[in-house]
N, C-alpha and C. Protein backbone atom coordinates (compact mmCIF):
# COMPACT_ATOMS: atom_id res chain seq x y z
N MET A 1 30.20 -46.34 73.26
CA MET A 1 30.53 -44.73 74.06
C MET A 1 31.90 -44.85 74.11
N THR A 2 32.32 -43.49 73.83
CA THR A 2 33.78 -43.08 73.97
C THR A 2 33.90 -42.80 75.26
N ASN A 3 35.21 -43.31 75.77
CA ASN A 3 35.66 -43.09 77.19
C ASN A 3 36.21 -41.36 77.58
N LEU A 4 35.12 -40.78 78.41
CA LEU A 4 35.45 -39.29 78.63
C LEU A 4 36.08 -39.13 79.76
N THR A 5 36.78 -38.18 80.04
CA THR A 5 37.28 -38.02 81.42
C THR A 5 36.33 -36.99 81.94
N ALA A 6 36.83 -36.81 83.51
CA ALA A 6 35.69 -36.37 84.22
C ALA A 6 35.80 -34.89 83.93
N LYS A 7 36.79 -34.05 83.08
CA LYS A 7 36.53 -32.86 82.58
C LYS A 7 35.79 -32.71 81.47
N ASP A 8 35.47 -33.86 80.62
CA ASP A 8 34.84 -34.03 79.63
C ASP A 8 33.27 -33.94 79.80
N LEU A 9 33.09 -34.70 80.67
CA LEU A 9 31.62 -35.00 81.35
C LEU A 9 31.31 -33.63 81.81
N ASP A 10 31.90 -33.03 82.69
CA ASP A 10 31.69 -31.61 83.55
C ASP A 10 31.36 -30.72 82.26
N VAL A 11 31.94 -30.48 81.31
CA VAL A 11 32.11 -29.45 79.96
C VAL A 11 30.77 -30.12 79.41
N LEU A 12 30.39 -31.24 79.11
CA LEU A 12 29.18 -31.64 78.43
C LEU A 12 27.95 -31.58 79.38
N SER A 13 28.32 -31.55 80.55
CA SER A 13 27.02 -31.31 81.38
C SER A 13 26.40 -29.80 81.59
N HIS A 14 27.46 -28.77 81.43
CA HIS A 14 27.36 -27.61 81.12
C HIS A 14 26.66 -27.04 80.03
N VAL A 15 27.26 -27.64 78.89
CA VAL A 15 26.55 -27.44 77.51
C VAL A 15 25.07 -27.96 77.35
N LEU A 16 24.91 -29.25 77.69
CA LEU A 16 23.48 -29.65 77.97
C LEU A 16 22.29 -28.86 78.71
N THR A 17 23.14 -28.31 79.81
CA THR A 17 22.16 -27.41 80.54
C THR A 17 21.99 -26.20 79.89
N ALA A 18 23.01 -25.46 79.22
CA ALA A 18 22.96 -24.28 78.46
C ALA A 18 22.12 -24.49 76.96
N GLU A 19 22.00 -25.76 76.51
CA GLU A 19 21.21 -26.08 75.34
C GLU A 19 19.84 -26.14 75.62
N GLU A 20 19.68 -26.79 76.86
CA GLU A 20 18.00 -26.91 77.40
C GLU A 20 17.43 -25.85 77.72
N MET A 21 18.14 -24.80 78.25
CA MET A 21 17.58 -23.69 78.67
C MET A 21 17.79 -22.61 77.60
N ALA A 22 18.33 -22.74 76.58
CA ALA A 22 18.03 -22.18 75.18
C ALA A 22 16.77 -22.41 74.60
N CYS A 23 16.91 -23.79 74.65
CA CYS A 23 15.45 -24.26 74.00
C CYS A 23 14.37 -23.78 74.62
N LYS A 24 14.26 -23.89 75.98
CA LYS A 24 13.14 -23.46 76.67
C LYS A 24 12.90 -21.95 76.39
N LYS A 25 13.81 -21.17 76.53
CA LYS A 25 13.69 -19.55 76.40
C LYS A 25 13.10 -19.52 74.80
N ALA A 26 13.94 -20.01 73.80
CA ALA A 26 13.05 -19.75 72.62
C ALA A 26 11.83 -20.21 72.37
N ARG A 27 11.66 -21.18 73.06
CA ARG A 27 9.99 -21.80 72.86
C ARG A 27 9.01 -20.87 73.81
N ILE A 28 9.44 -20.02 74.77
CA ILE A 28 8.69 -18.95 75.62
C ILE A 28 8.53 -17.88 74.60
N TYR A 29 9.92 -17.51 73.90
CA TYR A 29 9.73 -16.25 72.98
C TYR A 29 8.86 -16.78 71.87
N ALA A 30 8.76 -17.82 71.28
CA ALA A 30 7.70 -18.20 70.22
C ALA A 30 6.63 -18.11 70.65
N ASN A 31 6.09 -18.47 71.90
CA ASN A 31 4.71 -18.55 72.20
C ASN A 31 4.26 -17.07 72.53
N THR A 32 5.26 -16.20 72.97
CA THR A 32 4.73 -14.68 73.39
C THR A 32 4.77 -13.84 72.22
N LEU A 33 5.81 -13.98 71.32
CA LEU A 33 5.25 -13.07 70.06
C LEU A 33 4.47 -13.03 69.33
N THR A 34 3.98 -11.97 68.73
CA THR A 34 2.69 -11.67 68.08
C THR A 34 3.13 -11.48 66.66
N ASP A 35 4.46 -11.47 66.28
CA ASP A 35 4.73 -11.32 64.91
C ASP A 35 4.83 -12.90 64.61
N ALA A 36 3.86 -13.52 63.79
CA ALA A 36 4.19 -14.81 63.19
C ALA A 36 5.35 -15.23 62.66
N ALA A 37 5.99 -14.53 61.97
CA ALA A 37 7.31 -14.93 61.36
C ALA A 37 8.45 -15.14 62.28
N LEU A 38 8.31 -14.02 63.30
CA LEU A 38 9.31 -13.99 64.47
C LEU A 38 9.07 -15.49 65.11
N ALA A 39 7.64 -15.55 65.46
CA ALA A 39 7.44 -16.82 66.49
C ALA A 39 7.93 -18.09 65.64
N GLN A 40 7.79 -18.22 64.25
CA GLN A 40 8.18 -19.38 63.63
C GLN A 40 9.63 -19.46 63.76
N GLU A 41 10.42 -18.32 63.73
CA GLU A 41 11.88 -18.35 63.80
C GLU A 41 12.36 -18.84 65.07
N MET A 42 11.62 -18.27 66.29
CA MET A 42 11.85 -18.90 67.34
C MET A 42 11.95 -20.29 67.79
N GLU A 43 10.64 -20.80 66.93
CA GLU A 43 10.33 -22.16 67.10
C GLU A 43 11.54 -23.19 66.32
N ARG A 44 11.91 -22.47 65.09
CA ARG A 44 13.02 -23.02 64.17
C ARG A 44 14.22 -23.46 65.36
N ILE A 45 14.59 -22.40 65.81
CA ILE A 45 15.74 -22.05 66.67
C ILE A 45 15.57 -23.09 68.06
N ALA A 46 14.32 -23.08 68.47
CA ALA A 46 14.22 -24.01 69.52
C ALA A 46 14.39 -25.56 69.21
N SER A 47 13.87 -25.77 68.02
CA SER A 47 14.01 -27.00 67.52
C SER A 47 15.64 -27.45 67.45
N GLN A 48 16.30 -26.35 66.64
CA GLN A 48 17.89 -26.58 66.73
C GLN A 48 18.63 -26.90 68.18
N HIS A 49 17.97 -26.11 69.24
CA HIS A 49 18.68 -26.38 70.29
C HIS A 49 18.47 -27.66 71.13
N ALA A 50 17.24 -28.32 70.78
CA ALA A 50 16.52 -29.64 70.98
C ALA A 50 17.47 -30.56 70.47
N ALA A 51 17.68 -30.33 69.24
CA ALA A 51 18.46 -31.39 68.21
C ALA A 51 19.91 -31.48 68.96
N ARG A 52 20.33 -30.44 69.48
CA ARG A 52 21.80 -30.13 69.86
C ARG A 52 21.98 -31.09 71.26
N PHE A 53 20.98 -30.97 71.94
CA PHE A 53 20.73 -31.23 73.11
C PHE A 53 20.59 -33.04 73.38
N SER A 54 19.74 -33.39 72.14
CA SER A 54 19.56 -34.94 71.97
C SER A 54 21.02 -35.59 71.44
N ALA A 55 21.68 -34.75 70.70
CA ALA A 55 23.00 -35.55 70.00
C ALA A 55 23.96 -35.41 71.47
N LEU A 56 23.99 -34.51 72.25
CA LEU A 56 24.90 -34.28 73.34
C LEU A 56 24.50 -35.55 74.25
N TYR A 57 23.20 -35.57 74.47
CA TYR A 57 22.74 -36.70 75.56
C TYR A 57 23.13 -38.04 75.30
N THR A 58 22.93 -38.36 73.88
CA THR A 58 23.22 -39.45 73.36
C THR A 58 24.69 -39.71 73.35
N ILE A 59 25.48 -38.76 73.40
CA ILE A 59 26.94 -39.24 73.66
C ILE A 59 27.30 -39.52 74.76
N LEU A 60 26.48 -38.87 75.92
CA LEU A 60 26.71 -39.22 77.52
C LEU A 60 26.01 -40.85 77.65
N GLY A 61 25.56 -41.31 76.41
CA GLY A 61 24.75 -42.91 76.70
C GLY A 61 23.37 -42.93 77.17
N GLY A 62 22.67 -41.58 77.19
CA GLY A 62 21.50 -41.44 77.48
C GLY A 62 20.57 -42.06 76.05
N LYS A 63 19.32 -42.20 76.05
CA LYS A 63 18.44 -42.46 75.00
C LYS A 63 17.54 -41.22 74.91
N ALA A 64 17.82 -40.50 73.95
CA ALA A 64 17.01 -39.24 73.48
C ALA A 64 15.98 -39.67 72.81
């Protein structure tokens, strides 16, 4: 793991929170939408947010 400053950790923490919330919201939208194409697109977007969350979490030394 790269040595991160306190500021780096603070920023990563905020970005992790944002990615987690975006993923959750996209999944909610995917489950709520009645248009199958839009629901599928929201699920794709949720997966992208989840992948970014995992990558950032790994940077912090977590096991995603």
